[in-house]
N, C-alpha and C. Protein backbone atom coordinates (compact mmCIF):
# COMPACT_ATOMS: atom_id res chain seq x y z
N MET A 1 -8.77 -2.62 -21.27
CA MET A 1 -9.46 -3.93 -21.43
C MET A 1 -8.80 -4.93 -20.80
N GLU A 2 -9.35 -6.06 -20.02
CA GLU A 2 -8.73 -6.97 -19.43
C GLU A 2 -9.36 -8.18 -19.99
N ILE A 3 -8.37 -9.30 -19.91
CA ILE A 3 -8.86 -10.69 -20.36
C ILE A 3 -8.24 -11.48 -19.29
N SER A 4 -8.82 -12.72 -19.05
CA SER A 4 -7.99 -14.02 -18.48
C SER A 4 -8.04 -15.11 -19.10
N GLU A 5 -6.98 -16.07 -19.09
CA GLU A 5 -6.81 -17.25 -19.58
C GLU A 5 -6.54 -18.21 -18.62
N LYS A 6 -7.24 -19.53 -18.79
CA LYS A 6 -7.00 -20.57 -18.16
C LYS A 6 -5.43 -21.31 -18.72
N ALA A 7 -4.51 -21.65 -18.09
CA ALA A 7 -3.13 -22.06 -18.31
C ALA A 7 -3.06 -23.91 -17.71
N PRO A 8 -3.93 -24.67 -18.30
CA PRO A 8 -3.74 -26.05 -17.73
C PRO A 8 -2.38 -26.68 -17.91
N ALA A 9 -2.22 -27.29 -16.76
CA ALA A 9 -0.80 -28.30 -16.65
C ALA A 9 -0.86 -29.31 -17.75
N LYS A 10 0.10 -29.86 -18.25
CA LYS A 10 0.46 -30.91 -19.23
C LYS A 10 0.70 -32.16 -18.53
N LEU A 11 0.35 -33.41 -19.12
CA LEU A 11 0.94 -34.55 -18.60
C LEU A 11 1.47 -35.27 -19.95
N ASN A 12 2.55 -35.78 -19.69
CA ASN A 12 3.20 -36.85 -20.95
C ASN A 12 2.46 -38.50 -20.57
N PHE A 13 1.51 -38.55 -21.66
CA PHE A 13 1.33 -40.06 -21.41
C PHE A 13 2.42 -40.89 -21.88
N SER A 14 3.05 -40.34 -23.15
CA SER A 14 4.21 -41.11 -23.50
C SER A 14 5.22 -40.24 -24.13
N LEU A 15 6.25 -40.56 -23.81
CA LEU A 15 7.54 -39.52 -24.11
C LEU A 15 8.62 -40.43 -24.76
N ASP A 16 9.11 -39.90 -25.96
CA ASP A 16 10.17 -40.58 -26.64
C ASP A 16 11.02 -39.57 -27.09
N THR A 17 12.42 -39.71 -27.18
CA THR A 17 13.19 -38.59 -27.98
C THR A 17 14.22 -39.70 -28.76
N PRO A 18 14.02 -40.02 -29.96
CA PRO A 18 14.67 -41.06 -30.81
C PRO A 18 16.06 -40.66 -31.30
N PHE A 19 16.01 -39.29 -31.52
CA PHE A 19 17.15 -38.80 -31.95
C PHE A 19 17.47 -37.39 -31.58
N ARG A 20 18.66 -36.81 -31.72
CA ARG A 20 18.77 -35.29 -31.59
C ARG A 20 18.97 -34.60 -32.90
N HIS A 21 18.48 -33.47 -33.24
CA HIS A 21 18.81 -32.73 -34.78
C HIS A 21 20.16 -32.19 -34.56
N GLN A 22 20.55 -31.88 -35.93
CA GLN A 22 22.04 -30.99 -36.00
C GLN A 22 22.45 -30.09 -34.97
N ASN A 23 20.89 -29.21 -34.65
CA ASN A 23 21.44 -28.00 -33.76
C ASN A 23 21.43 -28.36 -32.40
N GLY A 24 21.33 -29.62 -32.19
CA GLY A 24 21.05 -30.31 -30.42
C GLY A 24 19.94 -30.21 -30.03
N GLU A 25 18.73 -30.00 -30.58
CA GLU A 25 17.59 -30.22 -30.39
C GLU A 25 16.92 -31.47 -30.31
N PRO A 26 16.21 -31.83 -29.25
CA PRO A 26 15.65 -33.39 -29.23
C PRO A 26 14.63 -33.44 -30.47
N GLU A 27 14.38 -34.50 -30.83
CA GLU A 27 13.21 -34.92 -31.66
C GLU A 27 12.17 -35.67 -30.73
N TRP A 28 11.10 -35.12 -30.76
CA TRP A 28 10.10 -35.84 -30.14
C TRP A 28 8.92 -36.34 -30.30
N LYS A 29 8.34 -37.66 -29.71
CA LYS A 29 7.25 -38.71 -29.88
C LYS A 29 6.60 -38.59 -28.55
N MET A 30 5.49 -37.86 -28.77
CA MET A 30 5.06 -37.79 -27.34
C MET A 30 3.27 -37.79 -27.40
N VAL A 31 2.75 -38.47 -26.65
CA VAL A 31 1.39 -38.19 -26.39
C VAL A 31 0.96 -37.47 -25.03
N MET A 32 0.36 -36.27 -25.22
CA MET A 32 0.19 -35.34 -24.24
C MET A 32 -1.21 -34.94 -23.87
N ILE A 33 -1.49 -34.72 -22.73
CA ILE A 33 -2.93 -34.28 -22.35
C ILE A 33 -3.02 -33.16 -21.30
N ALA A 34 -3.99 -32.30 -21.34
CA ALA A 34 -4.17 -30.86 -20.44
C ALA A 34 -4.88 -31.79 -19.18
N VAL A 35 -4.53 -31.24 -18.17
CA VAL A 35 -5.42 -31.75 -16.84
C VAL A 35 -6.13 -30.39 -16.45
N ASP A 36 -7.02 -30.74 -15.22
CA ASP A 36 -7.75 -29.60 -14.64
C ASP A 36 -6.76 -28.78 -13.96
N LEU A 37 -5.65 -29.22 -13.22
CA LEU A 37 -4.97 -28.26 -12.68
C LEU A 37 -4.23 -27.05 -13.47
N ALA A 38 -4.50 -25.92 -13.02
CA ALA A 38 -4.33 -24.82 -13.92
C ALA A 38 -3.80 -23.38 -13.11
N ASP A 39 -2.77 -22.87 -14.00
CA ASP A 39 -2.60 -21.44 -13.56
C ASP A 39 -3.60 -20.67 -14.40
N TYR A 40 -3.90 -19.18 -13.80
CA TYR A 40 -4.88 -18.37 -14.60
C TYR A 40 -3.85 -17.25 -14.95
N VAL A 41 -3.84 -16.63 -16.17
CA VAL A 41 -3.15 -15.59 -16.57
C VAL A 41 -3.78 -14.24 -16.71
N HIS A 42 -3.68 -13.20 -16.21
CA HIS A 42 -4.51 -11.99 -16.48
C HIS A 42 -4.09 -11.09 -17.20
N ILE A 43 -4.38 -10.53 -18.15
CA ILE A 43 -3.63 -9.61 -19.12
C ILE A 43 -4.77 -8.28 -19.01
N GLN A 44 -3.86 -6.92 -18.78
CA GLN A 44 -4.57 -5.93 -18.73
C GLN A 44 -3.74 -4.87 -19.76
N THR A 45 -4.59 -4.34 -20.86
CA THR A 45 -4.14 -3.21 -21.81
C THR A 45 -3.57 -2.05 -20.78
N LEU A 46 -2.38 -1.46 -21.13
CA LEU A 46 -2.17 0.01 -20.70
C LEU A 46 -1.81 0.76 -21.60
N PRO A 47 -3.17 1.49 -22.17
CA PRO A 47 -3.22 2.46 -23.42
C PRO A 47 -2.12 3.17 -23.96
N ASN A 48 -1.50 3.93 -22.51
CA ASN A 48 -0.63 5.14 -22.88
C ASN A 48 0.74 4.66 -22.25
N SER A 49 1.11 3.42 -22.71
CA SER A 49 2.18 2.99 -22.05
C SER A 49 2.76 1.99 -23.17
N HIS A 50 4.03 1.47 -23.18
CA HIS A 50 4.83 0.62 -24.04
C HIS A 50 5.29 -0.40 -23.20
N LYS A 51 5.12 -0.28 -21.95
CA LYS A 51 5.79 -1.27 -20.99
C LYS A 51 5.13 -2.62 -21.01
N ILE A 52 6.04 -3.57 -21.33
CA ILE A 52 5.78 -5.01 -21.19
C ILE A 52 6.61 -5.60 -20.44
N THR A 53 6.71 -6.65 -19.59
CA THR A 53 7.93 -7.04 -18.73
C THR A 53 7.91 -8.50 -19.01
N VAL A 54 6.78 -9.35 -19.73
CA VAL A 54 6.71 -10.83 -20.12
C VAL A 54 7.40 -10.91 -21.42
N SER A 55 8.43 -11.40 -21.46
CA SER A 55 8.97 -11.68 -23.23
C SER A 55 8.20 -12.09 -24.09
N THR A 56 7.41 -12.91 -23.71
CA THR A 56 6.42 -13.37 -24.69
C THR A 56 5.52 -12.46 -25.23
N ALA A 57 5.06 -11.78 -24.43
CA ALA A 57 4.13 -10.67 -24.81
C ALA A 57 4.82 -9.43 -25.52
N LYS A 58 6.07 -9.57 -25.12
CA LYS A 58 7.00 -8.26 -25.83
C LYS A 58 7.28 -8.79 -27.44
N MET A 59 7.67 -10.16 -27.48
CA MET A 59 7.81 -10.87 -28.50
C MET A 59 6.92 -10.55 -29.77
N LEU A 60 5.40 -10.87 -29.06
CA LEU A 60 4.23 -10.84 -30.01
C LEU A 60 4.10 -9.49 -30.40
N ARG A 61 4.19 -8.45 -29.31
CA ARG A 61 3.90 -7.21 -29.75
C ARG A 61 4.58 -6.83 -30.92
N ASP A 62 5.97 -6.94 -30.74
CA ASP A 62 6.73 -6.22 -31.70
C ASP A 62 6.95 -7.11 -32.94
N LYS A 63 6.56 -8.33 -33.23
CA LYS A 63 6.08 -8.85 -34.37
C LYS A 63 5.14 -8.46 -35.06
N TYR A 64 4.07 -7.89 -34.33
CA TYR A 64 2.60 -7.36 -34.88
C TYR A 64 2.58 -5.98 -34.97
N GLN A 65 3.72 -5.24 -34.41
CA GLN A 65 3.51 -3.85 -34.26
C GLN A 65 2.62 -3.17 -33.46
N ILE A 66 2.31 -3.83 -32.38
CA ILE A 66 1.21 -3.27 -31.43
C ILE A 66 1.66 -1.86 -30.79
N ASN A 67 0.82 -1.12 -30.61
CA ASN A 67 1.45 0.11 -29.91
C ASN A 67 0.63 0.25 -28.81
N GLU A 68 0.71 -0.51 -27.78
CA GLU A 68 0.14 -0.43 -26.45
C GLU A 68 0.81 -1.48 -25.62
N GLY A 69 1.07 -1.12 -24.29
CA GLY A 69 1.71 -2.37 -23.35
C GLY A 69 0.63 -2.96 -22.53
N VAL A 70 1.04 -3.79 -21.71
CA VAL A 70 0.15 -4.61 -21.04
C VAL A 70 0.61 -4.97 -19.72
N ALA A 71 -0.29 -5.24 -18.85
CA ALA A 71 0.14 -5.91 -17.48
C ALA A 71 -0.02 -6.96 -17.18
N ILE A 72 0.34 -7.93 -16.94
CA ILE A 72 0.32 -9.44 -16.99
C ILE A 72 0.47 -9.97 -15.59
N SER A 73 -0.61 -10.72 -15.09
CA SER A 73 -0.62 -11.42 -13.67
C SER A 73 -0.82 -13.00 -13.82
N ILE A 74 -0.13 -13.67 -13.02
CA ILE A 74 -0.32 -15.01 -12.81
C ILE A 74 -0.72 -15.60 -11.44
N ASP A 75 -2.00 -16.16 -11.51
CA ASP A 75 -2.46 -16.84 -10.27
C ASP A 75 -1.57 -18.31 -10.43
N LYS A 76 -0.58 -18.79 -9.70
CA LYS A 76 0.23 -19.87 -9.98
C LYS A 76 -0.51 -21.12 -9.39
N ASN A 77 -0.60 -22.08 -9.90
CA ASN A 77 -1.00 -23.42 -9.11
C ASN A 77 -0.39 -24.40 -9.33
N ILE A 78 0.25 -24.47 -10.56
CA ILE A 78 1.11 -25.74 -11.09
C ILE A 78 2.43 -25.57 -10.58
N PRO A 79 2.91 -26.52 -10.02
CA PRO A 79 4.32 -26.60 -9.49
C PRO A 79 5.19 -26.37 -10.34
N VAL A 80 6.30 -25.50 -9.96
CA VAL A 80 7.47 -25.48 -10.64
C VAL A 80 8.55 -26.29 -10.68
N ALA A 81 8.93 -26.68 -11.45
CA ALA A 81 9.98 -27.81 -11.98
C ALA A 81 9.34 -29.36 -11.70
N ALA A 82 8.17 -29.36 -11.94
CA ALA A 82 7.38 -30.52 -12.05
C ALA A 82 7.39 -31.51 -13.15
N GLY A 83 8.01 -30.83 -14.39
CA GLY A 83 7.52 -31.51 -15.67
C GLY A 83 6.17 -31.41 -16.22
N MET A 84 5.57 -30.29 -15.63
CA MET A 84 3.90 -30.14 -16.13
C MET A 84 3.78 -29.13 -16.71
N GLY A 85 4.82 -28.19 -17.47
CA GLY A 85 4.86 -27.43 -18.36
C GLY A 85 4.10 -26.16 -17.77
N GLY A 86 4.20 -26.07 -16.61
CA GLY A 86 3.63 -24.62 -16.03
C GLY A 86 3.94 -23.39 -16.82
N GLY A 87 5.41 -22.82 -17.26
CA GLY A 87 6.07 -21.86 -17.70
C GLY A 87 5.40 -21.92 -19.15
N SER A 88 5.57 -23.31 -19.63
CA SER A 88 5.23 -23.02 -21.04
C SER A 88 3.43 -22.88 -21.36
N SER A 89 2.67 -23.39 -20.39
CA SER A 89 1.06 -23.01 -20.45
C SER A 89 1.00 -21.68 -20.04
N ASP A 90 1.89 -21.12 -19.20
CA ASP A 90 1.68 -19.57 -18.79
C ASP A 90 1.99 -18.61 -20.21
N ALA A 91 2.93 -19.34 -20.60
CA ALA A 91 3.31 -18.54 -22.17
C ALA A 91 2.42 -18.76 -23.25
N ALA A 92 1.96 -19.96 -23.28
CA ALA A 92 0.71 -20.22 -24.08
C ALA A 92 -0.63 -19.39 -24.08
N ALA A 93 -0.93 -19.08 -22.57
CA ALA A 93 -2.06 -18.31 -22.16
C ALA A 93 -1.98 -16.95 -22.46
N VAL A 94 -0.61 -16.50 -22.46
CA VAL A 94 -0.43 -15.13 -22.82
C VAL A 94 -0.68 -15.04 -24.39
N LEU A 95 -0.06 -15.95 -25.21
CA LEU A 95 -0.20 -15.78 -26.38
C LEU A 95 -1.60 -15.84 -26.82
N ARG A 96 -2.42 -16.68 -26.35
CA ARG A 96 -3.77 -16.87 -26.72
C ARG A 96 -4.57 -15.52 -26.35
N GLY A 97 -4.16 -14.90 -25.07
CA GLY A 97 -4.83 -14.06 -24.56
C GLY A 97 -4.62 -12.49 -25.42
N LEU A 98 -3.07 -12.53 -25.86
CA LEU A 98 -3.08 -11.04 -26.50
C LEU A 98 -3.73 -11.36 -27.91
N ASN A 99 -3.77 -12.69 -28.27
CA ASN A 99 -4.10 -12.74 -29.59
C ASN A 99 -5.69 -12.33 -29.77
N LYS A 100 -6.48 -12.76 -28.64
CA LYS A 100 -7.85 -12.19 -28.63
C LYS A 100 -7.67 -10.67 -28.34
N LEU A 101 -6.97 -9.90 -27.22
CA LEU A 101 -7.17 -8.84 -26.68
C LEU A 101 -6.66 -7.73 -27.88
N TRP A 102 -5.57 -8.17 -28.65
CA TRP A 102 -5.10 -7.32 -29.52
C TRP A 102 -6.01 -7.50 -30.94
N GLN A 103 -6.83 -8.62 -31.07
CA GLN A 103 -7.74 -9.14 -32.06
C GLN A 103 -6.76 -9.15 -33.44
N LEU A 104 -5.67 -9.99 -33.15
CA LEU A 104 -4.76 -10.50 -34.24
C LEU A 104 -5.20 -11.58 -35.48
N GLY A 105 -6.26 -12.44 -34.83
CA GLY A 105 -6.95 -13.21 -35.69
C GLY A 105 -6.04 -14.81 -36.14
N LEU A 106 -5.09 -14.91 -35.25
CA LEU A 106 -4.03 -16.06 -35.44
C LEU A 106 -4.38 -17.20 -35.06
N SER A 107 -4.53 -18.10 -36.10
CA SER A 107 -4.90 -19.57 -35.89
C SER A 107 -4.19 -20.29 -34.51
N ARG A 108 -4.41 -21.36 -34.17
CA ARG A 108 -3.70 -22.24 -33.15
C ARG A 108 -2.49 -22.48 -33.66
N LYS A 109 -2.33 -22.61 -34.98
CA LYS A 109 -1.37 -23.24 -35.74
C LYS A 109 0.06 -22.48 -35.73
N GLU A 110 -0.78 -21.01 -36.01
CA GLU A 110 0.31 -19.87 -35.96
C GLU A 110 0.80 -19.31 -34.46
N LEU A 111 -0.04 -19.61 -34.00
CA LEU A 111 0.35 -19.46 -32.28
C LEU A 111 1.40 -20.24 -31.84
N ALA A 112 1.15 -21.61 -32.26
CA ALA A 112 2.12 -22.56 -31.69
C ALA A 112 3.45 -22.42 -32.52
N LYS A 113 3.51 -21.86 -33.81
CA LYS A 113 4.67 -21.64 -34.40
C LYS A 113 5.30 -20.62 -33.55
N ILE A 114 5.03 -19.78 -33.39
CA ILE A 114 5.31 -18.52 -32.36
C ILE A 114 5.77 -18.92 -31.01
N GLY A 115 5.06 -19.73 -30.67
CA GLY A 115 5.33 -20.56 -29.05
C GLY A 115 6.54 -21.23 -29.03
N LEU A 116 6.90 -22.08 -30.25
CA LEU A 116 8.06 -22.99 -30.27
C LEU A 116 9.24 -22.00 -30.00
N GLU A 117 9.62 -20.81 -30.39
CA GLU A 117 10.55 -20.06 -30.23
C GLU A 117 10.61 -19.82 -28.75
N ILE A 118 9.70 -19.90 -27.86
CA ILE A 118 9.75 -19.84 -26.43
C ILE A 118 10.38 -21.58 -25.85
N ASP A 119 9.66 -22.51 -25.95
CA ASP A 119 10.03 -23.52 -25.81
C ASP A 119 9.24 -24.71 -26.69
N SER A 120 9.89 -26.02 -26.48
CA SER A 120 9.10 -26.74 -27.20
C SER A 120 7.75 -27.62 -26.68
N ASP A 121 7.43 -27.17 -25.37
CA ASP A 121 6.07 -27.39 -24.94
C ASP A 121 5.01 -26.48 -25.32
N VAL A 122 5.22 -25.07 -25.52
CA VAL A 122 4.46 -24.20 -25.79
C VAL A 122 3.34 -24.73 -27.20
N PRO A 123 3.69 -25.47 -28.01
CA PRO A 123 3.02 -25.58 -29.12
C PRO A 123 1.62 -26.47 -28.51
N PHE A 124 2.09 -27.58 -27.76
CA PHE A 124 1.04 -28.20 -27.10
C PHE A 124 0.27 -27.57 -26.14
N CYS A 125 0.86 -26.55 -25.56
CA CYS A 125 0.04 -25.84 -24.70
C CYS A 125 -0.81 -24.85 -25.26
N ILE A 126 -0.71 -24.20 -26.26
CA ILE A 126 -1.68 -23.74 -26.97
C ILE A 126 -2.94 -24.27 -27.64
N TYR A 127 -2.78 -25.43 -27.53
CA TYR A 127 -3.63 -26.34 -28.15
C TYR A 127 -4.52 -27.03 -26.85
N SER A 128 -3.97 -27.47 -26.01
CA SER A 128 -4.22 -27.95 -24.34
C SER A 128 -5.51 -29.07 -24.73
N GLU A 129 -5.13 -30.01 -25.51
CA GLU A 129 -6.13 -30.75 -25.67
C GLU A 129 -5.17 -32.16 -26.22
N PRO A 130 -5.81 -33.50 -25.74
CA PRO A 130 -5.15 -34.66 -26.12
C PRO A 130 -4.26 -34.67 -27.58
N ALA A 131 -3.17 -34.72 -27.63
CA ALA A 131 -2.53 -34.83 -29.06
C ALA A 131 -1.24 -35.47 -29.12
N PHE A 132 -0.90 -35.92 -30.34
CA PHE A 132 0.13 -36.57 -30.68
C PHE A 132 1.48 -35.65 -31.06
N VAL A 133 2.38 -35.35 -30.40
CA VAL A 133 3.27 -34.27 -30.42
C VAL A 133 4.45 -34.67 -31.14
N THR A 134 5.12 -34.16 -32.16
CA THR A 134 6.36 -34.74 -32.80
C THR A 134 7.39 -33.62 -33.36
N GLY A 135 8.24 -33.95 -34.13
CA GLY A 135 9.17 -32.83 -34.40
C GLY A 135 10.06 -32.25 -33.06
N LYS A 136 9.97 -31.06 -33.22
CA LYS A 136 10.95 -30.44 -32.34
C LYS A 136 9.65 -29.78 -31.22
N GLY A 137 8.70 -30.17 -31.58
CA GLY A 137 7.47 -29.99 -30.51
C GLY A 137 6.37 -29.15 -31.42
N GLU A 138 6.69 -28.89 -32.62
CA GLU A 138 6.02 -27.86 -33.45
C GLU A 138 4.63 -28.62 -33.95
N ILE A 139 4.90 -30.10 -34.12
CA ILE A 139 3.83 -30.81 -34.81
C ILE A 139 2.94 -31.17 -33.87
N VAL A 140 1.55 -30.76 -33.67
CA VAL A 140 0.64 -31.10 -32.67
C VAL A 140 -0.45 -31.64 -33.43
N ILE A 141 -1.01 -32.96 -33.24
CA ILE A 141 -1.79 -33.74 -33.76
C ILE A 141 -2.96 -33.99 -32.93
N PRO A 142 -3.87 -32.95 -32.85
CA PRO A 142 -4.95 -33.58 -31.61
C PRO A 142 -5.54 -34.94 -32.14
N ILE A 143 -5.91 -35.71 -30.98
CA ILE A 143 -6.09 -37.07 -31.07
C ILE A 143 -7.80 -37.18 -30.70
N GLY A 144 -8.31 -36.10 -30.54
CA GLY A 144 -9.59 -36.20 -29.85
C GLY A 144 -9.88 -36.50 -28.34
N PRO A 145 -10.86 -36.21 -27.95
CA PRO A 145 -11.16 -36.44 -26.63
C PRO A 145 -11.06 -37.83 -25.88
N LEU A 146 -10.37 -37.74 -24.61
CA LEU A 146 -10.22 -39.23 -24.09
C LEU A 146 -11.42 -39.50 -23.04
N PRO A 147 -11.48 -40.68 -22.81
CA PRO A 147 -12.61 -40.97 -21.86
C PRO A 147 -12.29 -40.32 -20.43
N PRO A 148 -13.33 -40.02 -19.41
CA PRO A 148 -13.03 -39.37 -18.40
C PRO A 148 -11.82 -40.10 -17.40
N LEU A 149 -10.99 -39.45 -17.02
CA LEU A 149 -9.64 -40.17 -16.28
C LEU A 149 -9.72 -39.51 -14.99
N LYS A 150 -9.47 -40.29 -13.70
CA LYS A 150 -9.08 -39.84 -12.58
C LYS A 150 -7.57 -40.19 -12.25
N LEU A 151 -6.88 -39.09 -12.24
CA LEU A 151 -5.33 -39.04 -12.17
C LEU A 151 -4.91 -38.49 -10.72
N ILE A 152 -3.78 -39.27 -9.85
CA ILE A 152 -3.16 -38.64 -8.77
C ILE A 152 -2.01 -38.04 -9.43
N ILE A 153 -1.78 -36.81 -9.06
CA ILE A 153 -0.45 -36.00 -9.58
C ILE A 153 0.08 -35.73 -8.11
N ALA A 154 1.42 -36.46 -8.10
CA ALA A 154 2.21 -36.17 -6.94
C ALA A 154 3.66 -35.59 -7.50
N LYS A 155 4.06 -34.56 -6.81
CA LYS A 155 5.50 -33.85 -6.93
C LYS A 155 6.20 -34.10 -5.97
N PRO A 156 7.27 -35.00 -5.94
CA PRO A 156 8.35 -34.79 -4.87
C PRO A 156 9.13 -33.69 -4.51
N ARG A 157 9.59 -33.51 -3.41
CA ARG A 157 10.13 -32.16 -2.90
C ARG A 157 11.27 -31.80 -3.95
N ASP A 158 12.14 -32.69 -4.16
CA ASP A 158 13.19 -32.58 -5.19
C ASP A 158 12.64 -32.33 -6.52
N SER A 159 13.69 -31.32 -7.47
CA SER A 159 12.79 -31.15 -8.82
C SER A 159 14.29 -31.74 -9.44
N VAL A 160 13.57 -32.19 -10.95
CA VAL A 160 14.62 -32.45 -11.97
C VAL A 160 14.61 -31.86 -13.15
N SER A 161 15.84 -31.26 -13.58
CA SER A 161 15.59 -30.30 -14.82
C SER A 161 15.32 -31.52 -15.93
N THR A 162 14.24 -31.09 -16.87
CA THR A 162 13.99 -32.07 -18.12
C THR A 162 15.48 -31.63 -18.86
N PRO A 163 16.10 -30.55 -19.46
CA PRO A 163 17.32 -30.22 -20.08
C PRO A 163 18.50 -31.03 -19.50
N SER A 164 18.33 -31.06 -17.96
CA SER A 164 19.43 -31.87 -17.58
C SER A 164 19.33 -33.35 -17.91
N ILE A 165 18.23 -34.00 -17.74
CA ILE A 165 18.06 -35.36 -18.33
C ILE A 165 18.32 -35.53 -19.64
N LEU A 166 17.84 -34.88 -20.70
CA LEU A 166 17.88 -34.91 -21.99
C LEU A 166 19.54 -34.91 -22.23
N ARG A 167 20.32 -33.90 -21.63
CA ARG A 167 21.64 -34.04 -21.77
C ARG A 167 22.49 -35.52 -21.63
N LYS A 168 21.97 -36.21 -20.78
CA LYS A 168 22.17 -37.50 -20.30
C LYS A 168 22.08 -38.58 -21.43
N ILE A 169 21.20 -38.54 -22.28
CA ILE A 169 20.85 -39.42 -23.10
C ILE A 169 22.11 -39.79 -23.96
N ASP A 170 22.86 -41.16 -24.17
CA ASP A 170 23.68 -41.32 -24.99
C ASP A 170 23.01 -42.02 -26.32
N TYR A 171 22.65 -41.27 -27.10
CA TYR A 171 21.97 -41.91 -28.45
C TYR A 171 22.48 -43.01 -28.94
N ASP A 172 24.02 -42.89 -29.18
CA ASP A 172 24.74 -44.10 -29.55
C ASP A 172 24.56 -45.62 -28.87
N LYS A 173 24.11 -45.21 -27.59
CA LYS A 173 23.84 -46.57 -26.77
C LYS A 173 22.35 -47.19 -27.12
N ILE A 174 21.41 -46.73 -27.36
CA ILE A 174 20.14 -46.77 -27.44
C ILE A 174 19.82 -47.12 -28.93
N LYS A 175 20.87 -47.25 -29.91
CA LYS A 175 20.21 -47.68 -31.27
C LYS A 175 20.14 -49.03 -31.27
């Protein structure tokens, strides 16, 4: 059996990180949207195999004791290191696709909770609709559709790591 899932890029309309939790994770307050730019994830079952090479899929298979492997391929269109959640969106698409393929019946909220173990953007990418996102990324509150927007997305040649930017925040200076 085979299934394909669209993995839309995400954009932050607003982003605030008012403090850092005890474990070092940032607290988020964001308004996020999904855009038409997307990767496409293709998942195919391998009935006589236990082979899985994507950690997202392995995590879900182990958690729900699924006894088959899958082959996953990605048509990559979202630029890497662009702050558009390409990897998180792909992980979310894998979770959504496997939920359907393996007929797990998990809600978006349950998938988002699993996705948070991978990255803080994955829960939003499970929903992929305009939302207010708080907590460590696990609280996703859909805000309804926005009016049609035309956006120009440009990615400079240089890439910047979001974790490296977050490490530079001195919360004592911004209080």
